[in-house]
N, C-alpha and C. Protein backbone atom coordinates (compact mmCIF):
# COMPACT_ATOMS: atom_id res chain seq x y z
N MET A 1 11.89 -6.93 2.99
CA MET A 1 11.03 -6.13 3.81
C MET A 1 11.84 -5.36 4.84
N ARG A 2 12.91 -5.91 5.31
CA ARG A 2 13.73 -5.20 6.30
C ARG A 2 14.25 -3.89 5.74
N ARG A 3 14.61 -3.90 4.43
CA ARG A 3 15.11 -2.68 3.80
C ARG A 3 14.03 -1.61 3.83
N HIS A 4 12.79 -2.02 3.59
CA HIS A 4 11.70 -1.05 3.61
C HIS A 4 11.47 -0.50 5.00
N PHE A 5 11.55 -1.35 6.01
CA PHE A 5 11.36 -0.86 7.37
C PHE A 5 12.51 0.05 7.78
N ALA A 6 13.71 -0.20 7.25
CA ALA A 6 14.86 0.64 7.57
C ALA A 6 14.68 2.06 7.05
N VAL A 7 14.02 2.19 5.93
CA VAL A 7 13.82 3.53 5.37
C VAL A 7 12.51 4.15 5.82
N LEU A 8 11.74 3.45 6.62
CA LEU A 8 10.44 3.94 7.06
C LEU A 8 10.55 5.28 7.76
N ALA A 9 11.49 5.42 8.66
CA ALA A 9 11.63 6.68 9.39
C ALA A 9 11.97 7.83 8.44
N ALA A 10 12.88 7.56 7.52
CA ALA A 10 13.26 8.59 6.55
C ALA A 10 12.07 8.97 5.67
N LEU A 11 11.29 7.99 5.27
CA LEU A 11 10.12 8.27 4.44
C LEU A 11 9.08 9.07 5.20
N THR A 12 8.92 8.79 6.47
CA THR A 12 7.96 9.53 7.27
C THR A 12 8.34 11.00 7.31
N VAL A 13 9.63 11.28 7.51
CA VAL A 13 10.11 12.65 7.52
C VAL A 13 9.91 13.27 6.14
N LEU A 14 10.25 12.52 5.10
CA LEU A 14 10.11 13.01 3.74
C LEU A 14 8.65 13.30 3.40
N LEU A 15 7.76 12.42 3.80
CA LEU A 15 6.34 12.64 3.53
C LEU A 15 5.83 13.89 4.22
N THR A 16 6.32 14.13 5.41
CA THR A 16 5.91 15.31 6.14
C THR A 16 6.45 16.57 5.47
N ALA A 17 7.69 16.50 5.01
CA ALA A 17 8.33 17.66 4.40
C ALA A 17 7.83 17.92 2.99
N CYS A 18 7.49 16.89 2.25
CA CYS A 18 7.09 17.03 0.85
C CYS A 18 5.60 16.84 0.72
N ASP A 19 4.89 17.90 0.59
CA ASP A 19 3.45 17.79 0.42
C ASP A 19 3.15 17.82 -1.07
N ALA A 20 3.63 16.76 -1.77
CA ALA A 20 3.51 16.70 -3.23
C ALA A 20 2.07 16.48 -3.64
N GLU A 21 1.67 17.16 -4.69
CA GLU A 21 0.33 17.00 -5.25
C GLU A 21 0.43 16.07 -6.44
N THR A 22 -0.53 15.18 -6.57
CA THR A 22 -0.51 14.24 -7.69
C THR A 22 -1.85 14.26 -8.39
N SER A 23 -1.79 14.11 -9.70
CA SER A 23 -3.04 14.06 -10.45
C SER A 23 -3.38 12.65 -10.88
N VAL A 24 -2.58 11.69 -10.46
CA VAL A 24 -2.81 10.31 -10.86
C VAL A 24 -3.63 9.64 -9.77
N PRO A 25 -3.09 8.80 -8.91
CA PRO A 25 -3.90 8.19 -7.86
C PRO A 25 -4.14 9.18 -6.73
N THR A 26 -5.24 9.01 -6.05
CA THR A 26 -5.58 9.95 -5.00
C THR A 26 -5.68 9.30 -3.63
N SER A 27 -5.64 7.99 -3.56
CA SER A 27 -5.83 7.31 -2.28
C SER A 27 -4.51 7.15 -1.56
N ALA A 28 -4.56 7.34 -0.27
CA ALA A 28 -3.43 7.07 0.61
C ALA A 28 -4.00 6.53 1.91
N PRO A 29 -3.26 5.65 2.58
CA PRO A 29 -3.78 5.06 3.82
C PRO A 29 -4.12 6.12 4.86
N SER A 30 -5.11 5.83 5.69
CA SER A 30 -5.55 6.76 6.72
C SER A 30 -4.58 6.77 7.90
N ALA A 31 -4.88 7.60 8.85
CA ALA A 31 -4.02 7.75 10.03
C ALA A 31 -3.91 6.45 10.80
N THR A 32 -2.80 6.31 11.48
CA THR A 32 -2.49 5.10 12.22
C THR A 32 -3.31 4.99 13.50
N ALA A 33 -3.88 3.83 13.73
CA ALA A 33 -4.57 3.55 14.98
C ALA A 33 -3.55 3.04 16.00
N THR A 34 -3.91 3.07 17.25
CA THR A 34 -2.97 2.63 18.25
C THR A 34 -2.90 1.11 18.31
N SER A 35 -1.73 0.59 18.65
CA SER A 35 -1.55 -0.85 18.76
C SER A 35 -2.38 -1.45 19.88
N ALA A 36 -2.63 -0.67 20.92
CA ALA A 36 -3.38 -1.18 22.06
C ALA A 36 -4.81 -1.53 21.69
N SER A 37 -5.37 -0.82 20.72
CA SER A 37 -6.75 -1.08 20.34
C SER A 37 -6.86 -2.11 19.23
N SER A 38 -5.76 -2.65 18.79
CA SER A 38 -5.73 -3.59 17.68
C SER A 38 -6.07 -5.00 18.13
N SER A 39 -6.73 -5.74 17.22
CA SER A 39 -7.02 -7.15 17.48
C SER A 39 -5.74 -7.98 17.42
N LEU A 40 -4.75 -7.51 16.68
CA LEU A 40 -3.46 -8.19 16.54
C LEU A 40 -2.34 -7.19 16.86
N PRO A 41 -2.19 -6.82 18.14
CA PRO A 41 -1.23 -5.76 18.48
C PRO A 41 0.21 -6.08 18.07
N GLU A 42 0.58 -7.36 18.04
CA GLU A 42 1.94 -7.72 17.67
C GLU A 42 2.21 -7.50 16.18
N LEU A 43 1.17 -7.51 15.36
CA LEU A 43 1.33 -7.28 13.92
C LEU A 43 1.04 -5.84 13.53
N ARG A 44 0.44 -5.09 14.41
CA ARG A 44 0.04 -3.71 14.08
C ARG A 44 1.21 -2.86 13.59
N PRO A 45 2.39 -2.93 14.20
CA PRO A 45 3.50 -2.11 13.69
C PRO A 45 3.86 -2.43 12.23
N LYS A 46 3.82 -3.70 11.85
CA LYS A 46 4.10 -4.07 10.46
C LYS A 46 3.01 -3.57 9.53
N VAL A 47 1.76 -3.75 9.95
CA VAL A 47 0.63 -3.29 9.14
C VAL A 47 0.73 -1.78 8.93
N ASP A 48 1.03 -1.06 9.98
CA ASP A 48 1.15 0.39 9.89
C ASP A 48 2.35 0.81 9.05
N ALA A 49 3.46 0.09 9.17
CA ALA A 49 4.65 0.42 8.39
C ALA A 49 4.38 0.27 6.89
N ILE A 50 3.69 -0.78 6.52
CA ILE A 50 3.34 -0.97 5.10
C ILE A 50 2.42 0.16 4.64
N ALA A 51 1.50 0.58 5.49
CA ALA A 51 0.61 1.69 5.12
C ALA A 51 1.41 2.96 4.85
N VAL A 52 2.42 3.22 5.66
CA VAL A 52 3.26 4.40 5.45
C VAL A 52 4.03 4.26 4.14
N LEU A 53 4.53 3.07 3.86
CA LEU A 53 5.25 2.85 2.61
C LEU A 53 4.33 3.00 1.39
N LEU A 54 3.11 2.52 1.51
CA LEU A 54 2.14 2.70 0.42
C LEU A 54 1.87 4.19 0.21
N ALA A 55 1.72 4.92 1.31
CA ALA A 55 1.49 6.37 1.19
C ALA A 55 2.71 7.06 0.57
N ALA A 56 3.90 6.56 0.85
CA ALA A 56 5.12 7.15 0.28
C ALA A 56 5.17 6.95 -1.23
N CYS A 57 4.45 5.98 -1.74
CA CYS A 57 4.43 5.73 -3.19
C CYS A 57 3.60 6.76 -3.93
N VAL A 58 2.63 7.36 -3.28
CA VAL A 58 1.73 8.29 -3.96
C VAL A 58 2.49 9.41 -4.67
N PRO A 59 3.45 10.08 -4.03
CA PRO A 59 4.18 11.13 -4.75
C PRO A 59 4.98 10.60 -5.94
N LYS A 60 5.34 9.35 -5.92
CA LYS A 60 6.09 8.75 -7.02
C LYS A 60 5.20 8.47 -8.23
N LEU A 61 3.90 8.57 -8.05
CA LEU A 61 2.95 8.29 -9.12
C LEU A 61 2.46 9.60 -9.73
N ALA A 62 3.41 10.47 -10.05
CA ALA A 62 3.09 11.80 -10.57
C ALA A 62 3.27 11.90 -12.08
N GLY A 63 3.35 10.76 -12.76
CA GLY A 63 3.41 10.77 -14.21
C GLY A 63 4.80 10.85 -14.81
N GLU A 64 5.82 10.81 -13.99
CA GLU A 64 7.21 10.85 -14.47
C GLU A 64 7.88 9.52 -14.16
N PRO A 65 8.74 9.03 -15.06
CA PRO A 65 9.44 7.77 -14.78
C PRO A 65 10.19 7.84 -13.45
N VAL A 66 10.21 6.70 -12.76
CA VAL A 66 10.90 6.62 -11.47
C VAL A 66 12.10 5.69 -11.58
N ASP A 67 13.05 5.89 -10.72
CA ASP A 67 14.22 5.04 -10.65
C ASP A 67 13.74 3.62 -10.29
N PRO A 68 14.36 2.59 -10.87
CA PRO A 68 13.91 1.21 -10.57
C PRO A 68 13.86 0.90 -9.07
N ILE A 69 14.75 1.46 -8.29
CA ILE A 69 14.75 1.19 -6.85
C ILE A 69 13.51 1.80 -6.18
N ASP A 70 12.98 2.87 -6.78
CA ASP A 70 11.81 3.55 -6.22
C ASP A 70 10.49 3.06 -6.80
N ASN A 71 10.55 2.05 -7.65
CA ASN A 71 9.35 1.52 -8.28
C ASN A 71 8.46 0.91 -7.20
N CYS A 72 7.27 1.45 -7.07
CA CYS A 72 6.34 0.98 -6.02
C CYS A 72 5.95 -0.48 -6.18
N ALA A 73 6.15 -1.04 -7.36
CA ALA A 73 5.88 -2.47 -7.55
C ALA A 73 6.75 -3.30 -6.62
N ASN A 74 7.91 -2.77 -6.25
CA ASN A 74 8.81 -3.48 -5.33
C ASN A 74 8.19 -3.69 -3.95
N LEU A 75 7.20 -2.89 -3.61
CA LEU A 75 6.55 -2.98 -2.31
C LEU A 75 5.48 -4.07 -2.25
N MET A 76 4.97 -4.48 -3.39
CA MET A 76 3.85 -5.43 -3.40
C MET A 76 4.17 -6.76 -2.71
N PRO A 77 5.38 -7.33 -2.85
CA PRO A 77 5.67 -8.56 -2.10
C PRO A 77 5.64 -8.34 -0.58
N ASP A 78 6.01 -7.14 -0.14
CA ASP A 78 5.95 -6.84 1.29
C ASP A 78 4.51 -6.74 1.76
N VAL A 79 3.66 -6.16 0.94
CA VAL A 79 2.23 -6.09 1.28
C VAL A 79 1.70 -7.53 1.40
N ALA A 80 2.03 -8.36 0.43
CA ALA A 80 1.56 -9.76 0.45
C ALA A 80 2.08 -10.50 1.68
N GLU A 81 3.33 -10.24 2.06
CA GLU A 81 3.90 -10.91 3.23
C GLU A 81 3.17 -10.52 4.51
N VAL A 82 2.90 -9.25 4.68
CA VAL A 82 2.19 -8.79 5.88
C VAL A 82 0.75 -9.33 5.88
N ILE A 83 0.11 -9.32 4.73
CA ILE A 83 -1.25 -9.86 4.65
C ILE A 83 -1.25 -11.34 5.01
N SER A 84 -0.24 -12.07 4.57
CA SER A 84 -0.14 -13.49 4.93
C SER A 84 -0.01 -13.68 6.44
N GLU A 85 0.79 -12.82 7.08
CA GLU A 85 0.94 -12.91 8.53
C GLU A 85 -0.37 -12.62 9.24
N VAL A 86 -1.10 -11.62 8.77
CA VAL A 86 -2.40 -11.30 9.36
C VAL A 86 -3.37 -12.45 9.13
N GLU A 87 -3.35 -12.98 7.91
CA GLU A 87 -4.26 -14.07 7.55
C GLU A 87 -4.04 -15.31 8.43
N GLN A 88 -2.78 -15.58 8.77
CA GLN A 88 -2.47 -16.73 9.61
C GLN A 88 -3.06 -16.60 11.00
N GLN A 89 -3.33 -15.38 11.43
CA GLN A 89 -3.87 -15.15 12.76
C GLN A 89 -5.29 -14.58 12.70
N ALA A 90 -5.99 -14.85 11.62
CA ALA A 90 -7.30 -14.24 11.37
C ALA A 90 -8.44 -14.81 12.21
N ASP A 91 -8.27 -15.95 12.84
CA ASP A 91 -9.37 -16.57 13.58
C ASP A 91 -10.06 -15.64 14.58
N PRO A 92 -9.30 -14.89 15.39
CA PRO A 92 -9.99 -14.03 16.36
C PRO A 92 -10.51 -12.72 15.77
N LEU A 93 -10.25 -12.47 14.50
CA LEU A 93 -10.65 -11.20 13.89
C LEU A 93 -12.14 -11.17 13.57
N ALA A 94 -12.66 -9.99 13.56
CA ALA A 94 -14.05 -9.78 13.17
C ALA A 94 -14.22 -10.11 11.69
N GLU A 95 -15.45 -10.35 11.29
CA GLU A 95 -15.75 -10.67 9.90
C GLU A 95 -15.26 -9.58 8.95
N ALA A 96 -15.37 -8.32 9.36
CA ALA A 96 -14.92 -7.21 8.50
C ALA A 96 -13.43 -7.32 8.20
N ALA A 97 -12.64 -7.71 9.18
CA ALA A 97 -11.20 -7.86 8.97
C ALA A 97 -10.90 -9.03 8.05
N ARG A 98 -11.59 -10.15 8.24
CA ARG A 98 -11.37 -11.31 7.38
C ARG A 98 -11.78 -11.00 5.93
N THR A 99 -12.85 -10.26 5.78
CA THR A 99 -13.28 -9.85 4.44
C THR A 99 -12.24 -8.91 3.82
N ALA A 100 -11.71 -7.99 4.61
CA ALA A 100 -10.71 -7.05 4.12
C ALA A 100 -9.43 -7.76 3.68
N ILE A 101 -9.06 -8.81 4.38
CA ILE A 101 -7.88 -9.59 3.98
C ILE A 101 -8.08 -10.13 2.57
N GLY A 102 -9.23 -10.72 2.32
CA GLY A 102 -9.52 -11.25 1.00
C GLY A 102 -9.53 -10.17 -0.07
N GLU A 103 -10.04 -9.01 0.28
CA GLU A 103 -10.08 -7.91 -0.67
C GLU A 103 -8.67 -7.40 -1.00
N VAL A 104 -7.80 -7.30 0.00
CA VAL A 104 -6.42 -6.88 -0.26
C VAL A 104 -5.75 -7.91 -1.17
N ARG A 105 -5.97 -9.18 -0.91
CA ARG A 105 -5.40 -10.23 -1.78
C ARG A 105 -5.89 -10.07 -3.22
N ARG A 106 -7.17 -9.81 -3.38
CA ARG A 106 -7.74 -9.63 -4.71
C ARG A 106 -7.12 -8.42 -5.40
N GLN A 107 -6.94 -7.35 -4.66
CA GLN A 107 -6.36 -6.14 -5.23
C GLN A 107 -4.89 -6.33 -5.59
N LEU A 108 -4.18 -7.13 -4.81
CA LEU A 108 -2.79 -7.45 -5.16
C LEU A 108 -2.72 -8.19 -6.50
N ALA A 109 -3.67 -9.07 -6.73
CA ALA A 109 -3.72 -9.77 -8.02
C ALA A 109 -4.05 -8.80 -9.15
N GLU A 110 -4.93 -7.86 -8.89
CA GLU A 110 -5.31 -6.87 -9.91
C GLU A 110 -4.14 -5.96 -10.28
N ILE A 111 -3.30 -5.64 -9.30
CA ILE A 111 -2.22 -4.69 -9.54
C ILE A 111 -0.95 -5.38 -10.05
N ALA A 112 -0.93 -6.70 -10.04
CA ALA A 112 0.27 -7.45 -10.45
C ALA A 112 0.81 -7.06 -11.83
N PRO A 113 -0.01 -6.85 -12.85
CA PRO A 113 0.54 -6.50 -14.17
C PRO A 113 0.90 -5.02 -14.32
N CYS A 114 0.93 -4.27 -13.24
CA CYS A 114 1.11 -2.82 -13.32
C CYS A 114 2.55 -2.35 -13.16
N GLU A 115 3.53 -3.23 -13.19
CA GLU A 115 4.91 -2.79 -13.01
C GLU A 115 5.31 -1.69 -14.00
N PRO A 116 4.95 -1.79 -15.29
CA PRO A 116 5.32 -0.70 -16.20
C PRO A 116 4.65 0.63 -15.82
N TRP A 117 3.45 0.54 -15.31
CA TRP A 117 2.74 1.73 -14.86
C TRP A 117 3.46 2.36 -13.67
N PHE A 118 3.86 1.52 -12.71
CA PHE A 118 4.63 2.01 -11.57
C PHE A 118 5.94 2.64 -12.05
N ALA A 119 6.63 1.96 -12.95
CA ALA A 119 7.92 2.45 -13.46
C ALA A 119 7.75 3.80 -14.16
N GLY A 120 6.61 4.01 -14.78
CA GLY A 120 6.34 5.27 -15.45
C GLY A 120 5.76 6.33 -14.52
N GLY A 121 5.78 6.07 -13.24
CA GLY A 121 5.25 7.03 -12.29
C GLY A 121 3.75 7.19 -12.37
N GLY A 122 3.05 6.14 -12.80
CA GLY A 122 1.60 6.18 -12.87
C GLY A 122 1.09 6.56 -14.25
N ARG A 123 1.97 6.45 -15.24
CA ARG A 123 1.55 6.78 -16.60
C ARG A 123 2.39 5.98 -17.59
N THR A 124 1.72 5.44 -18.60
CA THR A 124 2.40 4.73 -19.68
C THR A 124 1.83 5.26 -21.00
N ASP A 125 2.21 4.66 -22.08
CA ASP A 125 1.65 5.01 -23.39
C ASP A 125 0.35 4.26 -23.65
N ASP A 126 -0.04 3.39 -22.74
CA ASP A 126 -1.24 2.57 -22.88
C ASP A 126 -2.33 3.11 -21.94
N GLY A 127 -3.27 3.85 -22.52
CA GLY A 127 -4.33 4.45 -21.71
C GLY A 127 -5.16 3.45 -20.95
N GLN A 128 -5.41 2.27 -21.54
CA GLN A 128 -6.19 1.24 -20.85
C GLN A 128 -5.44 0.71 -19.64
N LEU A 129 -4.13 0.48 -19.80
CA LEU A 129 -3.32 0.02 -18.68
C LEU A 129 -3.30 1.09 -17.59
N ASP A 130 -3.14 2.34 -17.98
CA ASP A 130 -3.14 3.43 -17.00
C ASP A 130 -4.44 3.44 -16.20
N PHE A 131 -5.55 3.31 -16.91
CA PHE A 131 -6.85 3.33 -16.24
C PHE A 131 -6.98 2.16 -15.27
N ARG A 132 -6.67 0.94 -15.76
CA ARG A 132 -6.78 -0.26 -14.90
C ARG A 132 -5.86 -0.15 -13.68
N CYS A 133 -4.65 0.31 -13.89
CA CYS A 133 -3.69 0.36 -12.78
C CYS A 133 -4.02 1.47 -11.80
N ASN A 134 -4.52 2.59 -12.30
CA ASN A 134 -4.94 3.66 -11.39
C ASN A 134 -6.09 3.17 -10.53
N GLN A 135 -7.04 2.47 -11.15
CA GLN A 135 -8.16 1.90 -10.40
C GLN A 135 -7.67 0.86 -9.40
N ALA A 136 -6.74 0.01 -9.83
CA ALA A 136 -6.20 -1.03 -8.95
C ALA A 136 -5.46 -0.41 -7.77
N TRP A 137 -4.72 0.66 -8.03
CA TRP A 137 -3.99 1.34 -6.95
C TRP A 137 -4.97 1.93 -5.94
N ASP A 138 -5.97 2.65 -6.44
CA ASP A 138 -6.96 3.23 -5.54
C ASP A 138 -7.68 2.15 -4.73
N SER A 139 -8.01 1.04 -5.38
CA SER A 139 -8.71 -0.06 -4.70
C SER A 139 -7.81 -0.74 -3.68
N LEU A 140 -6.54 -0.94 -4.03
CA LEU A 140 -5.60 -1.53 -3.07
C LEU A 140 -5.46 -0.63 -1.85
N SER A 141 -5.30 0.65 -2.08
CA SER A 141 -5.18 1.58 -0.95
C SER A 141 -6.42 1.55 -0.07
N ALA A 142 -7.59 1.57 -0.71
CA ALA A 142 -8.84 1.55 0.06
C ALA A 142 -9.02 0.24 0.82
N SER A 143 -8.70 -0.88 0.19
CA SER A 143 -8.88 -2.16 0.88
C SER A 143 -7.86 -2.33 2.00
N TYR A 144 -6.63 -1.82 1.80
CA TYR A 144 -5.64 -1.90 2.87
C TYR A 144 -6.08 -1.02 4.03
N ASP A 145 -6.61 0.15 3.72
CA ASP A 145 -7.16 1.03 4.74
C ASP A 145 -8.27 0.34 5.53
N ALA A 146 -9.15 -0.33 4.82
CA ALA A 146 -10.26 -1.05 5.47
C ALA A 146 -9.72 -2.12 6.42
N LEU A 147 -8.68 -2.81 5.97
CA LEU A 147 -8.07 -3.83 6.83
C LEU A 147 -7.49 -3.20 8.09
N ARG A 148 -6.75 -2.12 7.92
CA ARG A 148 -6.18 -1.42 9.09
C ARG A 148 -7.27 -0.99 10.05
N ASP A 149 -8.34 -0.42 9.50
CA ASP A 149 -9.44 0.04 10.35
C ASP A 149 -10.11 -1.12 11.08
N ALA A 150 -10.16 -2.29 10.43
CA ALA A 150 -10.82 -3.45 11.03
C ALA A 150 -9.95 -4.15 12.07
N LEU A 151 -8.67 -3.89 12.04
CA LEU A 151 -7.78 -4.52 13.03
C LEU A 151 -7.88 -3.72 14.31
């Protein structure tokens, strides 16, 4: 995860500079809320950093094979780690946030078999896998967004 946070600044600049259009997944995390308004202000920077990294994956899902280092599947353990940290401190959270945690966990399980789809940039020779993984990606993005909004 530290490697991902180290490249976060570079990705932010890259995302701003590259307004890539994609015909595969369409969801990307929403704008960052302030840490002061967060129920878990100490975790908000991590939650937001993962959201930026998830958004950075969208241009990589343009239907072309990606370098193994850029495979968005590599980010899923980091998503799970941050969700675990949030989950450990979920007691003071509103019901919407606790529900969103469960939904992100469910979506992580749904997207687990999608490594070949990620490696292919959001496209494989298996139309059913492409459909399932595109749906899983959109759902993961939406549920992570919901969690961020609920924090």
